[in-house]
Amino acid sequence: MPSLFERLFGKKTEDTAKKTAETAQKVSEEAARARREALEAEKKAAEAARVAAEQSEKARLATIKAAEEARAKVQEELAKATGQVAAAAGARTYVVKSGDSLSKIAKELLGDAKRWPEIYEANKALIGDNPNLIHPGQTLVIK
């Protein structure tokens, strides 16, 4: 037969321990559920950010492509106009190849590499401010 102390305190201690363990288990399960929900929310936010970045990159690439196409069209029209002006003025034209420079073209066509400024001045509208930046496919007027 249980003692008076066990009868008074023993059962309560066992019940309290069991209830504490059950409560701890419930708290643990609730914390795990809350963490899973938080991770799922973070995953959805990350996916939304990835999709937005992908769309932004596609738009940026489309803008670059459109700008390159417009530049190519302008260069083509300028080359055509340059050729027409050269033909009307009785001047020759030269289509820039890879590896060309104004001095190399001047040496080849004018016989003296030091005459490159003449080619540059005649084609300044096409070449721009930097005479070192000529591109393959450009049509230069040679006077």
N, C-alpha and C. Protein backbone atom coordinates (compact mmCIF):
# COMPACT_ATOMS: atom_id res chain seq x y z
N MET A 1 0.84 -1.16 0.00
CA MET A 1 0.00 0.00 0.00
C MET A 1 0.90 1.24 0.00
N PRO A 2 0.52 2.25 -0.81
CA PRO A 2 1.34 3.46 -0.88
C PRO A 2 1.30 4.23 0.44
N SER A 3 2.42 4.87 0.68
CA SER A 3 2.51 5.65 1.91
C SER A 3 1.65 6.90 1.78
N LEU A 4 1.51 7.54 2.91
CA LEU A 4 0.71 8.75 2.94
C LEU A 4 1.32 9.82 2.02
N PHE A 5 2.64 9.94 2.05
CA PHE A 5 3.34 10.93 1.20
C PHE A 5 3.11 10.61 -0.28
N GLU A 6 3.26 9.35 -0.63
CA GLU A 6 3.05 8.96 -2.02
C GLU A 6 1.61 9.21 -2.43
N ARG A 7 0.72 8.92 -1.49
CA ARG A 7 -0.67 9.15 -1.81
C ARG A 7 -0.95 10.63 -2.01
N LEU A 8 -0.29 11.46 -1.19
CA LEU A 8 -0.53 12.90 -1.30
C LEU A 8 0.23 13.54 -2.47
N PHE A 9 1.50 13.18 -2.65
CA PHE A 9 2.34 13.88 -3.62
C PHE A 9 2.77 13.04 -4.82
N GLY A 10 2.84 11.76 -4.70
CA GLY A 10 3.35 10.88 -5.74
C GLY A 10 2.54 10.96 -7.02
N LYS A 11 1.29 10.82 -6.95
CA LYS A 11 0.44 10.82 -8.12
C LYS A 11 0.48 12.19 -8.80
N LYS A 12 0.47 13.25 -8.01
CA LYS A 12 0.52 14.59 -8.59
C LYS A 12 1.82 14.80 -9.34
N THR A 13 2.92 14.31 -8.80
CA THR A 13 4.22 14.47 -9.45
C THR A 13 4.22 13.75 -10.79
N GLU A 14 3.66 12.54 -10.83
CA GLU A 14 3.60 11.80 -12.08
C GLU A 14 2.70 12.50 -13.08
N ASP A 15 1.56 12.96 -12.63
CA ASP A 15 0.62 13.67 -13.52
C ASP A 15 1.24 14.96 -14.02
N THR A 16 1.92 15.68 -13.15
CA THR A 16 2.56 16.93 -13.54
C THR A 16 3.66 16.68 -14.56
N ALA A 17 4.46 15.67 -14.35
CA ALA A 17 5.53 15.33 -15.29
C ALA A 17 4.95 14.95 -16.64
N LYS A 18 3.89 14.16 -16.63
CA LYS A 18 3.27 13.73 -17.88
C LYS A 18 2.68 14.94 -18.63
N LYS A 19 2.00 15.83 -17.90
CA LYS A 19 1.42 17.02 -18.52
C LYS A 19 2.51 17.95 -19.05
N THR A 20 3.60 18.06 -18.29
CA THR A 20 4.73 18.90 -18.74
C THR A 20 5.32 18.35 -20.03
N ALA A 21 5.49 17.05 -20.10
CA ALA A 21 6.03 16.42 -21.30
C ALA A 21 5.09 16.62 -22.48
N GLU A 22 3.80 16.45 -22.25
CA GLU A 22 2.82 16.66 -23.32
C GLU A 22 2.83 18.10 -23.80
N THR A 23 2.90 19.04 -22.86
CA THR A 23 2.93 20.46 -23.22
C THR A 23 4.20 20.78 -24.01
N ALA A 24 5.33 20.24 -23.57
CA ALA A 24 6.60 20.47 -24.28
C ALA A 24 6.51 19.92 -25.69
N GLN A 25 5.90 18.76 -25.86
CA GLN A 25 5.74 18.15 -27.18
C GLN A 25 4.86 19.04 -28.07
N LYS A 26 3.76 19.55 -27.51
CA LYS A 26 2.87 20.41 -28.28
C LYS A 26 3.58 21.70 -28.69
N VAL A 27 4.33 22.29 -27.76
CA VAL A 27 5.08 23.52 -28.05
C VAL A 27 6.10 23.26 -29.15
N SER A 28 6.79 22.15 -29.07
CA SER A 28 7.79 21.78 -30.07
C SER A 28 7.15 21.59 -31.45
N GLU A 29 6.02 20.90 -31.48
CA GLU A 29 5.31 20.70 -32.74
C GLU A 29 4.82 22.01 -33.32
N GLU A 30 4.32 22.89 -32.48
CA GLU A 30 3.84 24.20 -32.93
C GLU A 30 5.00 25.05 -33.47
N ALA A 31 6.13 25.01 -32.79
CA ALA A 31 7.31 25.75 -33.26
C ALA A 31 7.79 25.22 -34.61
N ALA A 32 7.77 23.90 -34.79
CA ALA A 32 8.18 23.30 -36.05
C ALA A 32 7.22 23.70 -37.17
N ARG A 33 5.92 23.69 -36.88
CA ARG A 33 4.93 24.10 -37.87
C ARG A 33 5.12 25.57 -38.27
N ALA A 34 5.34 26.42 -37.27
CA ALA A 34 5.55 27.85 -37.55
C ALA A 34 6.80 28.05 -38.40
N ARG A 35 7.86 27.30 -38.13
CA ARG A 35 9.11 27.41 -38.90
C ARG A 35 8.90 26.94 -40.34
N ARG A 36 8.14 25.85 -40.51
CA ARG A 36 7.83 25.37 -41.87
C ARG A 36 7.06 26.43 -42.64
N GLU A 37 6.08 27.06 -42.00
CA GLU A 37 5.30 28.12 -42.65
C GLU A 37 6.19 29.30 -43.02
N ALA A 38 7.09 29.68 -42.12
CA ALA A 38 8.00 30.79 -42.39
C ALA A 38 8.93 30.46 -43.56
N LEU A 39 9.44 29.24 -43.58
CA LEU A 39 10.30 28.82 -44.69
C LEU A 39 9.55 28.81 -46.02
N GLU A 40 8.32 28.38 -46.00
CA GLU A 40 7.50 28.36 -47.22
C GLU A 40 7.25 29.80 -47.70
N ALA A 41 6.99 30.71 -46.77
CA ALA A 41 6.79 32.12 -47.14
C ALA A 41 8.07 32.71 -47.74
N GLU A 42 9.23 32.37 -47.15
CA GLU A 42 10.51 32.85 -47.68
C GLU A 42 10.76 32.28 -49.07
N LYS A 43 10.41 31.02 -49.26
CA LYS A 43 10.58 30.37 -50.56
C LYS A 43 9.73 31.07 -51.62
N LYS A 44 8.47 31.39 -51.28
CA LYS A 44 7.59 32.09 -52.22
C LYS A 44 8.13 33.48 -52.54
N ALA A 45 8.64 34.18 -51.54
CA ALA A 45 9.20 35.52 -51.76
C ALA A 45 10.44 35.45 -52.65
N ALA A 46 11.28 34.45 -52.42
CA ALA A 46 12.49 34.29 -53.24
C ALA A 46 12.12 33.98 -54.68
N GLU A 47 11.14 33.15 -54.89
CA GLU A 47 10.69 32.81 -56.25
C GLU A 47 10.12 34.05 -56.95
N ALA A 48 9.35 34.85 -56.23
CA ALA A 48 8.81 36.08 -56.81
C ALA A 48 9.92 37.04 -57.19
N ALA A 49 10.93 37.14 -56.35
CA ALA A 49 12.08 38.02 -56.66
C ALA A 49 12.84 37.50 -57.87
N ARG A 50 13.01 36.18 -57.98
CA ARG A 50 13.70 35.60 -59.12
C ARG A 50 12.94 35.88 -60.42
N VAL A 51 11.63 35.71 -60.39
CA VAL A 51 10.80 35.96 -61.58
C VAL A 51 10.90 37.43 -61.98
N ALA A 52 10.84 38.33 -61.01
CA ALA A 52 10.94 39.76 -61.30
C ALA A 52 12.30 40.09 -61.91
N ALA A 53 13.36 39.52 -61.37
CA ALA A 53 14.70 39.77 -61.90
C ALA A 53 14.84 39.22 -63.31
N GLU A 54 14.25 38.07 -63.55
CA GLU A 54 14.30 37.47 -64.89
C GLU A 54 13.56 38.35 -65.90
N GLN A 55 12.41 38.86 -65.53
CA GLN A 55 11.65 39.73 -66.41
C GLN A 55 12.42 41.02 -66.68
N SER A 56 13.05 41.56 -65.66
CA SER A 56 13.84 42.78 -65.81
C SER A 56 15.01 42.54 -66.76
N GLU A 57 15.67 41.41 -66.62
CA GLU A 57 16.81 41.08 -67.50
C GLU A 57 16.34 40.90 -68.94
N LYS A 58 15.20 40.27 -69.14
CA LYS A 58 14.66 40.10 -70.49
C LYS A 58 14.36 41.46 -71.12
N ALA A 59 13.79 42.37 -70.34
CA ALA A 59 13.49 43.71 -70.84
C ALA A 59 14.76 44.46 -71.18
N ARG A 60 15.79 44.31 -70.31
CA ARG A 60 17.07 44.98 -70.57
C ARG A 60 17.71 44.45 -71.85
N LEU A 61 17.68 43.14 -72.04
CA LEU A 61 18.27 42.54 -73.24
C LEU A 61 17.50 42.94 -74.50
N ALA A 62 16.18 43.05 -74.39
CA ALA A 62 15.38 43.49 -75.54
C ALA A 62 15.71 44.94 -75.90
N THR A 63 15.94 45.77 -74.90
CA THR A 63 16.31 47.17 -75.15
C THR A 63 17.67 47.25 -75.83
N ILE A 64 18.62 46.44 -75.36
CA ILE A 64 19.95 46.42 -75.96
C ILE A 64 19.87 45.97 -77.41
N LYS A 65 19.10 44.92 -77.66
CA LYS A 65 18.96 44.40 -79.02
C LYS A 65 18.35 45.46 -79.93
N ALA A 66 17.31 46.15 -79.45
CA ALA A 66 16.67 47.19 -80.25
C ALA A 66 17.65 48.33 -80.55
N ALA A 67 18.47 48.69 -79.56
CA ALA A 67 19.44 49.76 -79.76
C ALA A 67 20.51 49.34 -80.77
N GLU A 68 20.95 48.09 -80.71
CA GLU A 68 21.95 47.60 -81.66
C GLU A 68 21.38 47.56 -83.07
N GLU A 69 20.13 47.14 -83.21
CA GLU A 69 19.50 47.12 -84.52
C GLU A 69 19.35 48.53 -85.08
N ALA A 70 18.97 49.47 -84.21
CA ALA A 70 18.83 50.87 -84.66
C ALA A 70 20.18 51.44 -85.08
N ARG A 71 21.24 51.13 -84.30
CA ARG A 71 22.58 51.61 -84.65
C ARG A 71 23.03 51.03 -85.99
N ALA A 72 22.77 49.75 -86.20
CA ALA A 72 23.16 49.12 -87.46
C ALA A 72 22.41 49.74 -88.63
N LYS A 73 21.14 50.03 -88.43
CA LYS A 73 20.34 50.65 -89.50
C LYS A 73 20.86 52.05 -89.83
N VAL A 74 21.18 52.82 -88.79
CA VAL A 74 21.71 54.17 -89.00
C VAL A 74 23.06 54.10 -89.73
N GLN A 75 23.91 53.16 -89.32
CA GLN A 75 25.21 53.03 -89.98
C GLN A 75 25.03 52.63 -91.45
N GLU A 76 24.08 51.75 -91.71
CA GLU A 76 23.82 51.34 -93.08
C GLU A 76 23.35 52.52 -93.92
N GLU A 77 22.42 53.29 -93.37
CA GLU A 77 21.92 54.46 -94.09
C GLU A 77 23.01 55.50 -94.29
N LEU A 78 23.86 55.69 -93.28
CA LEU A 78 24.97 56.64 -93.39
C LEU A 78 25.97 56.18 -94.43
N ALA A 79 26.25 54.88 -94.45
CA ALA A 79 27.18 54.35 -95.45
C ALA A 79 26.63 54.53 -96.85
N LYS A 80 25.34 54.31 -97.01
CA LYS A 80 24.69 54.49 -98.31
C LYS A 80 24.77 55.95 -98.74
N ALA A 81 24.47 56.85 -97.80
CA ALA A 81 24.53 58.28 -98.09
C ALA A 81 25.96 58.71 -98.39
N THR A 82 26.92 58.17 -97.65
CA THR A 82 28.33 58.50 -97.87
C THR A 82 28.76 58.06 -99.27
N GLY A 83 28.33 56.87 -99.66
CA GLY A 83 28.65 56.38 -101.00
C GLY A 83 28.05 57.24 -102.08
N GLN A 84 26.82 57.71 -101.87
CA GLN A 84 26.16 58.58 -102.85
C GLN A 84 26.88 59.92 -102.94
N VAL A 85 27.27 60.46 -101.80
CA VAL A 85 27.99 61.74 -101.79
C VAL A 85 29.35 61.58 -102.47
N ALA A 86 30.02 60.49 -102.18
CA ALA A 86 31.32 60.24 -102.78
C ALA A 86 31.20 60.09 -104.29
N ALA A 87 30.18 59.39 -104.73
CA ALA A 87 29.99 59.21 -106.17
C ALA A 87 29.69 60.55 -106.84
N ALA A 88 28.90 61.37 -106.19
CA ALA A 88 28.56 62.69 -106.75
C ALA A 88 29.79 63.59 -106.79
N ALA A 89 30.68 63.46 -105.82
CA ALA A 89 31.86 64.31 -105.76
C ALA A 89 33.02 63.71 -106.57
N GLY A 90 32.83 62.53 -107.08
CA GLY A 90 33.89 61.89 -107.85
C GLY A 90 34.98 61.29 -106.98
N ALA A 91 34.68 61.06 -105.69
CA ALA A 91 35.67 60.49 -104.78
C ALA A 91 35.50 58.97 -104.71
N ARG A 92 36.53 58.31 -104.20
CA ARG A 92 36.48 56.86 -104.01
C ARG A 92 35.89 56.55 -102.64
N THR A 93 35.49 55.31 -102.48
CA THR A 93 35.04 54.86 -101.17
C THR A 93 35.87 53.62 -100.78
N TYR A 94 35.90 53.36 -99.49
CA TYR A 94 36.62 52.22 -98.96
C TYR A 94 35.80 51.63 -97.82
N VAL A 95 35.59 50.33 -97.86
CA VAL A 95 34.85 49.63 -96.79
C VAL A 95 35.87 49.10 -95.79
N VAL A 96 35.74 49.54 -94.55
CA VAL A 96 36.67 49.16 -93.49
C VAL A 96 36.58 47.65 -93.23
N LYS A 97 37.75 47.04 -93.10
CA LYS A 97 37.86 45.61 -92.77
C LYS A 97 38.42 45.47 -91.36
N SER A 98 38.28 44.30 -90.81
CA SER A 98 38.82 44.02 -89.48
C SER A 98 40.34 44.22 -89.50
N GLY A 99 40.86 44.93 -88.51
CA GLY A 99 42.30 45.18 -88.41
C GLY A 99 42.74 46.46 -89.08
N ASP A 100 41.82 47.15 -89.76
CA ASP A 100 42.18 48.42 -90.44
C ASP A 100 42.34 49.55 -89.43
N SER A 101 43.15 50.53 -89.82
CA SER A 101 43.26 51.80 -89.09
C SER A 101 43.31 52.88 -90.16
N LEU A 102 43.09 54.11 -89.75
CA LEU A 102 43.12 55.20 -90.74
C LEU A 102 44.50 55.34 -91.37
N SER A 103 45.55 55.15 -90.58
CA SER A 103 46.90 55.26 -91.14
C SER A 103 47.18 54.12 -92.12
N LYS A 104 46.71 52.94 -91.84
CA LYS A 104 46.89 51.80 -92.73
C LYS A 104 46.13 52.04 -94.05
N ILE A 105 44.92 52.56 -93.94
CA ILE A 105 44.13 52.87 -95.13
C ILE A 105 44.80 53.98 -95.93
N ALA A 106 45.30 55.02 -95.23
CA ALA A 106 45.98 56.13 -95.92
C ALA A 106 47.22 55.63 -96.66
N LYS A 107 47.99 54.75 -96.05
CA LYS A 107 49.18 54.21 -96.70
C LYS A 107 48.79 53.41 -97.93
N GLU A 108 47.74 52.59 -97.79
CA GLU A 108 47.30 51.74 -98.89
C GLU A 108 46.73 52.54 -100.06
N LEU A 109 45.87 53.53 -99.76
CA LEU A 109 45.15 54.24 -100.82
C LEU A 109 45.79 55.57 -101.23
N LEU A 110 46.45 56.23 -100.29
CA LEU A 110 47.04 57.54 -100.59
C LEU A 110 48.55 57.49 -100.67
N GLY A 111 49.14 56.36 -100.32
CA GLY A 111 50.59 56.19 -100.42
C GLY A 111 51.38 56.70 -99.24
N ASP A 112 50.73 57.30 -98.24
CA ASP A 112 51.45 57.85 -97.09
C ASP A 112 50.57 57.71 -95.84
N ALA A 113 51.06 56.99 -94.85
CA ALA A 113 50.29 56.75 -93.63
C ALA A 113 50.02 58.05 -92.87
N LYS A 114 50.88 59.06 -93.06
CA LYS A 114 50.72 60.34 -92.34
C LYS A 114 49.54 61.15 -92.87
N ARG A 115 48.91 60.70 -93.94
CA ARG A 115 47.77 61.44 -94.51
C ARG A 115 46.43 60.95 -93.92
N TRP A 116 46.49 60.17 -92.85
CA TRP A 116 45.26 59.68 -92.25
C TRP A 116 44.31 60.80 -91.81
N PRO A 117 44.80 62.01 -91.38
CA PRO A 117 43.85 63.07 -90.98
C PRO A 117 42.93 63.50 -92.13
N GLU A 118 43.39 63.38 -93.36
CA GLU A 118 42.54 63.73 -94.51
C GLU A 118 41.33 62.80 -94.56
N ILE A 119 41.58 61.52 -94.35
CA ILE A 119 40.48 60.55 -94.36
C ILE A 119 39.56 60.81 -93.17
N TYR A 120 40.15 61.11 -92.03
CA TYR A 120 39.36 61.37 -90.83
C TYR A 120 38.45 62.59 -91.03
N GLU A 121 38.99 63.68 -91.53
CA GLU A 121 38.20 64.90 -91.73
C GLU A 121 37.07 64.68 -92.73
N ALA A 122 37.33 63.90 -93.76
CA ALA A 122 36.29 63.63 -94.77
C ALA A 122 35.19 62.73 -94.22
N ASN A 123 35.48 62.00 -93.15
CA ASN A 123 34.52 61.01 -92.62
C ASN A 123 34.19 61.23 -91.14
N LYS A 124 34.44 62.44 -90.65
CA LYS A 124 34.26 62.72 -89.23
C LYS A 124 32.82 62.44 -88.76
N ALA A 125 31.83 62.70 -89.60
CA ALA A 125 30.44 62.45 -89.21
C ALA A 125 30.18 60.96 -88.99
N LEU A 126 30.84 60.12 -89.76
CA LEU A 126 30.68 58.68 -89.64
C LEU A 126 31.52 58.12 -88.49
N ILE A 127 32.75 58.58 -88.38
CA ILE A 127 33.69 58.02 -87.40
C ILE A 127 33.41 58.53 -85.99
N GLY A 128 33.08 59.80 -85.86
CA GLY A 128 32.85 60.37 -84.54
C GLY A 128 34.09 61.10 -84.04
N ASP A 129 34.17 61.34 -82.73
CA ASP A 129 35.24 62.14 -82.16
C ASP A 129 36.57 61.40 -82.02
N ASN A 130 36.55 60.09 -82.05
CA ASN A 130 37.78 59.32 -81.85
C ASN A 130 38.21 58.66 -83.16
N PRO A 131 39.28 59.15 -83.80
CA PRO A 131 39.70 58.58 -85.07
C PRO A 131 40.24 57.15 -84.94
N ASN A 132 40.49 56.70 -83.73
CA ASN A 132 40.97 55.33 -83.53
C ASN A 132 39.83 54.31 -83.53
N LEU A 133 38.59 54.79 -83.51
CA LEU A 133 37.45 53.89 -83.46
C LEU A 133 36.73 53.82 -84.80
N ILE A 134 37.28 53.00 -85.69
CA ILE A 134 36.57 52.70 -86.93
C ILE A 134 36.16 51.23 -86.84
N HIS A 135 35.06 50.91 -87.51
CA HIS A 135 34.49 49.58 -87.37
C HIS A 135 34.36 48.90 -88.72
N PRO A 136 34.59 47.60 -88.77
CA PRO A 136 34.42 46.86 -90.02
C PRO A 136 33.02 47.09 -90.59
N GLY A 137 32.97 47.30 -91.89
CA GLY A 137 31.70 47.54 -92.56
C GLY A 137 31.42 49.01 -92.83
N GLN A 138 32.12 49.91 -92.14
CA GLN A 138 31.92 51.34 -92.40
C GLN A 138 32.47 51.67 -93.79
N THR A 139 31.75 52.54 -94.50
CA THR A 139 32.19 52.97 -95.83
C THR A 139 32.78 54.37 -95.71
N LEU A 140 34.08 54.50 -95.99
CA LEU A 140 34.77 55.78 -95.86
C LEU A 140 34.93 56.41 -97.24
N VAL A 141 34.87 57.75 -97.26
CA VAL A 141 35.12 58.50 -98.49
C VAL A 141 36.62 58.81 -98.53
N ILE A 142 37.25 58.53 -99.67
CA ILE A 142 38.66 58.82 -99.85
C ILE A 142 38.76 59.86 -100.94
N LYS A 143 39.22 61.06 -100.59
CA LYS A 143 39.33 62.16 -101.57
C LYS A 143 40.67 62.18 -102.23
